[in-house]
N, C-alpha and C. Protein backbone atom coordinates (compact mmCIF):
# COMPACT_ATOMS: atom_id res chain seq x y z
N MET A 1 -75.96 -63.43 -27.70
CA MET A 1 -75.17 -62.21 -27.66
C MET A 1 -73.90 -62.37 -28.49
N LEU A 2 -73.59 -61.40 -29.30
CA LEU A 2 -72.39 -61.45 -30.11
C LEU A 2 -71.16 -61.24 -29.25
N LYS A 3 -70.13 -62.03 -29.52
CA LYS A 3 -68.87 -61.85 -28.81
C LYS A 3 -68.17 -60.61 -29.34
N LYS A 4 -67.46 -59.93 -28.46
CA LYS A 4 -66.63 -58.79 -28.88
C LYS A 4 -65.43 -59.34 -29.67
N LYS A 5 -65.02 -58.59 -30.69
CA LYS A 5 -63.93 -59.02 -31.56
C LYS A 5 -62.67 -58.22 -31.26
N ILE A 6 -61.56 -58.94 -31.15
CA ILE A 6 -60.27 -58.31 -30.90
C ILE A 6 -59.29 -58.75 -31.98
N LEU A 7 -58.56 -57.79 -32.52
CA LEU A 7 -57.49 -58.09 -33.48
C LEU A 7 -56.15 -57.91 -32.77
N VAL A 8 -55.32 -58.96 -32.81
CA VAL A 8 -53.98 -58.92 -32.22
C VAL A 8 -52.99 -58.72 -33.38
N ILE A 9 -52.27 -57.58 -33.36
CA ILE A 9 -51.23 -57.32 -34.36
C ILE A 9 -49.89 -57.42 -33.65
N GLU A 10 -49.18 -58.50 -33.92
CA GLU A 10 -47.95 -58.82 -33.18
C GLU A 10 -47.08 -59.71 -34.07
N ASP A 11 -45.79 -59.34 -34.24
CA ASP A 11 -44.92 -60.14 -35.10
C ASP A 11 -44.23 -61.29 -34.37
N ASP A 12 -44.15 -61.23 -33.05
CA ASP A 12 -43.54 -62.32 -32.28
C ASP A 12 -44.60 -63.42 -32.11
N LEU A 13 -44.36 -64.56 -32.77
CA LEU A 13 -45.36 -65.63 -32.82
C LEU A 13 -45.75 -66.13 -31.43
N HIS A 14 -44.76 -66.23 -30.52
CA HIS A 14 -45.06 -66.72 -29.15
C HIS A 14 -46.01 -65.76 -28.43
N ILE A 15 -45.73 -64.47 -28.53
CA ILE A 15 -46.58 -63.48 -27.87
C ILE A 15 -47.95 -63.43 -28.55
N GLN A 16 -47.95 -63.51 -29.89
CA GLN A 16 -49.21 -63.50 -30.64
C GLN A 16 -50.09 -64.68 -30.19
N GLN A 17 -49.52 -65.87 -30.13
CA GLN A 17 -50.30 -67.05 -29.73
C GLN A 17 -50.78 -66.94 -28.29
N TYR A 18 -49.93 -66.40 -27.42
CA TYR A 18 -50.32 -66.22 -26.02
C TYR A 18 -51.50 -65.26 -25.91
N LEU A 19 -51.43 -64.14 -26.60
CA LEU A 19 -52.52 -63.15 -26.56
C LEU A 19 -53.82 -63.74 -27.11
N VAL A 20 -53.72 -64.46 -28.23
CA VAL A 20 -54.90 -65.07 -28.83
C VAL A 20 -55.54 -66.04 -27.84
N SER A 21 -54.74 -66.93 -27.25
CA SER A 21 -55.27 -67.91 -26.29
C SER A 21 -55.88 -67.23 -25.07
N LEU A 22 -55.17 -66.26 -24.52
CA LEU A 22 -55.63 -65.54 -23.33
C LEU A 22 -56.98 -64.88 -23.58
N LEU A 23 -57.09 -64.18 -24.69
CA LEU A 23 -58.32 -63.45 -24.98
C LEU A 23 -59.47 -64.40 -25.36
N GLN A 24 -59.16 -65.46 -26.10
CA GLN A 24 -60.19 -66.46 -26.43
C GLN A 24 -60.71 -67.13 -25.16
N ASP A 25 -59.80 -67.44 -24.24
CA ASP A 25 -60.18 -68.08 -22.97
C ASP A 25 -61.12 -67.19 -22.15
N HIS A 26 -61.11 -65.89 -22.43
CA HIS A 26 -61.97 -64.96 -21.69
C HIS A 26 -63.18 -64.52 -22.53
N GLY A 27 -63.49 -65.31 -23.57
CA GLY A 27 -64.75 -65.14 -24.27
C GLY A 27 -64.76 -64.19 -25.46
N TYR A 28 -63.59 -63.79 -25.92
CA TYR A 28 -63.54 -62.88 -27.07
C TYR A 28 -63.28 -63.66 -28.36
N ASP A 29 -63.80 -63.14 -29.48
CA ASP A 29 -63.42 -63.64 -30.80
C ASP A 29 -62.12 -62.94 -31.15
N VAL A 30 -61.09 -63.70 -31.49
CA VAL A 30 -59.78 -63.10 -31.70
C VAL A 30 -59.27 -63.41 -33.10
N TYR A 31 -58.78 -62.38 -33.75
CA TYR A 31 -58.15 -62.51 -35.06
C TYR A 31 -56.71 -62.05 -34.89
N GLU A 32 -55.84 -62.45 -35.83
CA GLU A 32 -54.43 -62.11 -35.65
C GLU A 32 -53.81 -61.64 -36.95
N ALA A 33 -52.75 -60.84 -36.79
CA ALA A 33 -51.97 -60.35 -37.92
C ALA A 33 -50.53 -60.24 -37.47
N GLY A 34 -49.60 -60.55 -38.36
CA GLY A 34 -48.18 -60.51 -38.01
C GLY A 34 -47.46 -59.24 -38.42
N ASP A 35 -48.17 -58.35 -39.13
CA ASP A 35 -47.55 -57.09 -39.54
C ASP A 35 -48.63 -56.06 -39.84
N VAL A 36 -48.18 -54.85 -40.16
CA VAL A 36 -49.10 -53.72 -40.35
C VAL A 36 -50.04 -53.97 -41.54
N GLN A 37 -49.51 -54.42 -42.67
CA GLN A 37 -50.35 -54.62 -43.85
C GLN A 37 -51.44 -55.66 -43.59
N GLU A 38 -51.05 -56.79 -43.00
CA GLU A 38 -52.03 -57.82 -42.66
C GLU A 38 -53.03 -57.27 -41.64
N GLY A 39 -52.55 -56.45 -40.73
CA GLY A 39 -53.42 -55.83 -39.73
C GLY A 39 -54.50 -54.97 -40.37
N LEU A 40 -54.12 -54.20 -41.38
CA LEU A 40 -55.09 -53.35 -42.08
C LEU A 40 -56.14 -54.20 -42.81
N VAL A 41 -55.69 -55.28 -43.45
CA VAL A 41 -56.61 -56.19 -44.14
C VAL A 41 -57.59 -56.81 -43.15
N GLN A 42 -57.06 -57.32 -42.02
CA GLN A 42 -57.90 -57.96 -41.01
C GLN A 42 -58.87 -56.96 -40.38
N THR A 43 -58.42 -55.72 -40.21
CA THR A 43 -59.28 -54.69 -39.62
C THR A 43 -60.48 -54.41 -40.53
N GLU A 44 -60.21 -54.27 -41.82
CA GLU A 44 -61.29 -54.02 -42.79
C GLU A 44 -62.24 -55.22 -42.84
N LYS A 45 -61.67 -56.43 -42.78
CA LYS A 45 -62.46 -57.66 -42.93
C LYS A 45 -63.34 -57.93 -41.70
N HIS A 46 -62.77 -57.80 -40.50
CA HIS A 46 -63.47 -58.23 -39.28
C HIS A 46 -64.06 -57.08 -38.47
N ARG A 47 -63.61 -55.85 -38.73
CA ARG A 47 -64.09 -54.67 -38.00
C ARG A 47 -64.10 -54.92 -36.49
N PRO A 48 -62.90 -55.09 -35.91
CA PRO A 48 -62.80 -55.45 -34.49
C PRO A 48 -63.29 -54.34 -33.57
N ASP A 49 -63.68 -54.76 -32.34
CA ASP A 49 -64.08 -53.82 -31.31
C ASP A 49 -62.87 -53.22 -30.61
N LEU A 50 -61.72 -53.92 -30.71
CA LEU A 50 -60.49 -53.49 -30.04
C LEU A 50 -59.31 -54.09 -30.79
N ILE A 51 -58.19 -53.39 -30.77
CA ILE A 51 -56.96 -53.88 -31.41
C ILE A 51 -55.82 -53.80 -30.41
N THR A 52 -55.03 -54.90 -30.31
CA THR A 52 -53.76 -54.80 -29.58
C THR A 52 -52.68 -54.63 -30.65
N LEU A 53 -51.76 -53.73 -30.40
CA LEU A 53 -50.80 -53.33 -31.43
C LEU A 53 -49.38 -53.31 -30.89
N ASP A 54 -48.52 -54.09 -31.54
CA ASP A 54 -47.09 -54.01 -31.28
C ASP A 54 -46.57 -52.78 -32.03
N ILE A 55 -45.49 -52.19 -31.55
CA ILE A 55 -44.94 -50.99 -32.19
C ILE A 55 -43.90 -51.33 -33.24
N GLU A 56 -42.95 -52.18 -32.88
CA GLU A 56 -41.84 -52.47 -33.79
C GLU A 56 -42.09 -53.81 -34.48
N MET A 57 -42.36 -53.74 -35.79
CA MET A 57 -42.60 -54.95 -36.57
C MET A 57 -41.83 -54.85 -37.87
N PRO A 58 -41.55 -56.00 -38.50
CA PRO A 58 -40.80 -55.96 -39.75
C PRO A 58 -41.59 -55.23 -40.84
N GLY A 59 -40.91 -54.37 -41.57
CA GLY A 59 -41.53 -53.72 -42.71
C GLY A 59 -42.30 -52.45 -42.39
N ASP A 60 -42.75 -52.30 -41.17
CA ASP A 60 -43.55 -51.12 -40.86
C ASP A 60 -43.66 -50.94 -39.35
N TRP A 61 -44.16 -49.81 -38.94
CA TRP A 61 -44.28 -49.48 -37.53
C TRP A 61 -45.75 -49.43 -37.12
N GLY A 62 -46.02 -49.80 -35.88
CA GLY A 62 -47.37 -49.71 -35.33
C GLY A 62 -48.00 -48.33 -35.48
N PRO A 63 -47.24 -47.24 -35.21
CA PRO A 63 -47.85 -45.92 -35.36
C PRO A 63 -48.34 -45.65 -36.79
N ARG A 64 -47.68 -46.23 -37.77
CA ARG A 64 -48.13 -46.05 -39.15
C ARG A 64 -49.47 -46.77 -39.35
N PHE A 65 -49.61 -47.95 -38.74
CA PHE A 65 -50.90 -48.66 -38.78
C PHE A 65 -51.98 -47.76 -38.18
N TYR A 66 -51.68 -47.17 -37.03
CA TYR A 66 -52.66 -46.34 -36.34
C TYR A 66 -53.04 -45.13 -37.21
N HIS A 67 -52.07 -44.58 -37.89
CA HIS A 67 -52.32 -43.45 -38.80
C HIS A 67 -53.30 -43.88 -39.89
N HIS A 68 -53.07 -45.05 -40.50
CA HIS A 68 -53.99 -45.56 -41.53
C HIS A 68 -55.37 -45.81 -40.93
N LEU A 69 -55.40 -46.44 -39.76
CA LEU A 69 -56.67 -46.75 -39.10
C LEU A 69 -57.49 -45.48 -38.86
N SER A 70 -56.82 -44.43 -38.44
CA SER A 70 -57.51 -43.19 -38.09
C SER A 70 -58.13 -42.50 -39.31
N ARG A 71 -57.83 -42.99 -40.51
CA ARG A 71 -58.38 -42.40 -41.72
C ARG A 71 -59.51 -43.25 -42.33
N ILE A 72 -59.86 -44.36 -41.67
CA ILE A 72 -60.91 -45.24 -42.20
C ILE A 72 -62.22 -44.92 -41.48
N PRO A 73 -63.21 -44.40 -42.21
CA PRO A 73 -64.50 -44.09 -41.58
C PRO A 73 -65.10 -45.35 -40.94
N GLY A 74 -65.65 -45.20 -39.77
CA GLY A 74 -66.26 -46.33 -39.09
C GLY A 74 -65.27 -47.15 -38.28
N LEU A 75 -63.98 -46.97 -38.51
CA LEU A 75 -62.97 -47.72 -37.76
C LEU A 75 -62.03 -46.81 -36.99
N LYS A 76 -62.06 -45.52 -37.30
CA LYS A 76 -61.07 -44.63 -36.71
C LYS A 76 -61.21 -44.46 -35.20
N LYS A 77 -62.36 -44.80 -34.66
CA LYS A 77 -62.53 -44.70 -33.20
C LYS A 77 -62.30 -46.04 -32.49
N THR A 78 -61.83 -47.05 -33.23
CA THR A 78 -61.54 -48.36 -32.64
C THR A 78 -60.45 -48.21 -31.58
N PRO A 79 -60.71 -48.64 -30.33
CA PRO A 79 -59.67 -48.51 -29.30
C PRO A 79 -58.47 -49.41 -29.60
N VAL A 80 -57.29 -48.88 -29.30
CA VAL A 80 -56.03 -49.59 -29.53
C VAL A 80 -55.27 -49.67 -28.21
N ILE A 81 -54.81 -50.89 -27.88
CA ILE A 81 -53.92 -51.08 -26.73
C ILE A 81 -52.54 -51.40 -27.29
N VAL A 82 -51.58 -50.54 -27.00
CA VAL A 82 -50.21 -50.74 -27.44
C VAL A 82 -49.53 -51.71 -26.47
N ILE A 83 -48.89 -52.75 -27.03
CA ILE A 83 -48.11 -53.69 -26.22
C ILE A 83 -46.73 -53.77 -26.87
N SER A 84 -45.73 -53.22 -26.19
CA SER A 84 -44.42 -53.09 -26.83
C SER A 84 -43.27 -53.27 -25.84
N GLY A 85 -42.15 -53.72 -26.37
CA GLY A 85 -40.93 -53.81 -25.58
C GLY A 85 -40.04 -52.59 -25.76
N LEU A 86 -40.43 -51.67 -26.62
CA LEU A 86 -39.62 -50.49 -26.87
C LEU A 86 -39.74 -49.46 -25.76
N PRO A 87 -38.63 -48.88 -25.32
CA PRO A 87 -38.74 -47.79 -24.35
C PRO A 87 -39.43 -46.59 -25.01
N GLY A 88 -40.23 -45.88 -24.24
CA GLY A 88 -40.91 -44.70 -24.76
C GLY A 88 -42.13 -45.01 -25.60
N HIS A 89 -42.57 -46.27 -25.61
CA HIS A 89 -43.71 -46.66 -26.45
C HIS A 89 -45.01 -45.97 -26.05
N GLN A 90 -45.06 -45.44 -24.81
CA GLN A 90 -46.29 -44.77 -24.33
C GLN A 90 -46.62 -43.58 -25.22
N CYS A 91 -45.62 -43.02 -25.87
CA CYS A 91 -45.84 -41.83 -26.70
C CYS A 91 -46.07 -42.18 -28.17
N ALA A 92 -45.95 -43.45 -28.53
CA ALA A 92 -45.98 -43.85 -29.94
C ALA A 92 -47.35 -43.67 -30.58
N VAL A 93 -48.40 -43.96 -29.84
CA VAL A 93 -49.76 -43.81 -30.36
C VAL A 93 -50.50 -42.90 -29.38
N MET A 94 -50.70 -41.66 -29.79
CA MET A 94 -51.19 -40.64 -28.86
C MET A 94 -52.57 -40.95 -28.26
N ASN A 95 -53.47 -41.52 -29.04
CA ASN A 95 -54.82 -41.75 -28.54
C ASN A 95 -55.07 -43.19 -28.13
N ALA A 96 -54.01 -43.92 -27.79
CA ALA A 96 -54.18 -45.31 -27.39
C ALA A 96 -55.03 -45.40 -26.12
N ALA A 97 -55.85 -46.46 -26.06
CA ALA A 97 -56.66 -46.70 -24.86
C ALA A 97 -55.76 -47.01 -23.67
N ALA A 98 -54.62 -47.67 -23.97
CA ALA A 98 -53.63 -48.01 -22.93
C ALA A 98 -52.33 -48.38 -23.62
N SER A 99 -51.26 -48.41 -22.82
CA SER A 99 -49.94 -48.78 -23.32
C SER A 99 -49.28 -49.68 -22.29
N LEU A 100 -48.94 -50.90 -22.70
CA LEU A 100 -48.32 -51.87 -21.78
C LEU A 100 -46.92 -52.22 -22.27
N SER A 101 -46.03 -52.46 -21.31
CA SER A 101 -44.67 -52.88 -21.64
C SER A 101 -44.57 -54.39 -21.61
N LYS A 102 -43.80 -54.94 -22.55
CA LYS A 102 -43.49 -56.37 -22.52
C LYS A 102 -42.35 -56.57 -21.54
N PRO A 103 -42.37 -57.59 -20.72
CA PRO A 103 -43.49 -58.53 -20.53
C PRO A 103 -44.61 -57.83 -19.77
N PHE A 104 -45.85 -58.09 -20.19
CA PHE A 104 -47.00 -57.42 -19.59
C PHE A 104 -47.67 -58.35 -18.58
N ASP A 105 -48.47 -57.75 -17.71
CA ASP A 105 -49.22 -58.49 -16.71
C ASP A 105 -50.57 -58.88 -17.33
N ARG A 106 -50.86 -60.17 -17.40
CA ARG A 106 -52.08 -60.64 -18.07
C ARG A 106 -53.35 -60.08 -17.42
N ASP A 107 -53.36 -59.99 -16.09
CA ASP A 107 -54.55 -59.48 -15.40
C ASP A 107 -54.76 -58.00 -15.70
N GLU A 108 -53.67 -57.26 -15.78
CA GLU A 108 -53.77 -55.83 -16.12
C GLU A 108 -54.34 -55.68 -17.53
N LEU A 109 -53.84 -56.49 -18.48
CA LEU A 109 -54.35 -56.43 -19.84
C LEU A 109 -55.84 -56.77 -19.87
N LEU A 110 -56.24 -57.83 -19.18
CA LEU A 110 -57.65 -58.23 -19.19
C LEU A 110 -58.54 -57.15 -18.56
N ASP A 111 -58.04 -56.51 -17.50
CA ASP A 111 -58.79 -55.41 -16.88
C ASP A 111 -59.00 -54.27 -17.88
N ILE A 112 -57.95 -53.93 -18.61
CA ILE A 112 -58.03 -52.84 -19.59
C ILE A 112 -59.02 -53.21 -20.68
N VAL A 113 -58.94 -54.46 -21.17
CA VAL A 113 -59.86 -54.91 -22.23
C VAL A 113 -61.30 -54.84 -21.74
N ARG A 114 -61.56 -55.37 -20.55
CA ARG A 114 -62.92 -55.36 -19.99
C ARG A 114 -63.42 -53.93 -19.80
N HIS A 115 -62.56 -53.07 -19.30
CA HIS A 115 -62.93 -51.68 -19.06
C HIS A 115 -63.22 -50.96 -20.40
N THR A 116 -62.47 -51.32 -21.44
CA THR A 116 -62.58 -50.63 -22.73
C THR A 116 -63.76 -51.11 -23.57
N ILE A 117 -63.97 -52.44 -23.63
CA ILE A 117 -65.04 -52.95 -24.51
C ILE A 117 -66.05 -53.87 -23.81
N GLY A 118 -65.82 -54.16 -22.55
CA GLY A 118 -66.78 -54.99 -21.81
C GLY A 118 -66.44 -56.46 -21.83
């Protein structure tokens, strides 16, 4: 059985590494990107089943990534979980599968991932 693929887009290296380890430990193939541009490249390359997305990153914003994603045929329905420390982040990506505040609860995140992609 093929493992589900998750792309973590996060500029904070500690949080990025934590998310990668957490998701790998639960049986997912995990790819990572530190900014929006790298996120778009990784999305095209790996075609993930789910994306976790930080909102505030250097050079660009998470919502802009989502806007680009929504215009790529075959990828525009990819579920996105927003993970952000910004207040009001719940409104940043209108069609997000979920929105979590940093610091987030690991069990809540895993429940959302399992519910969203299995």
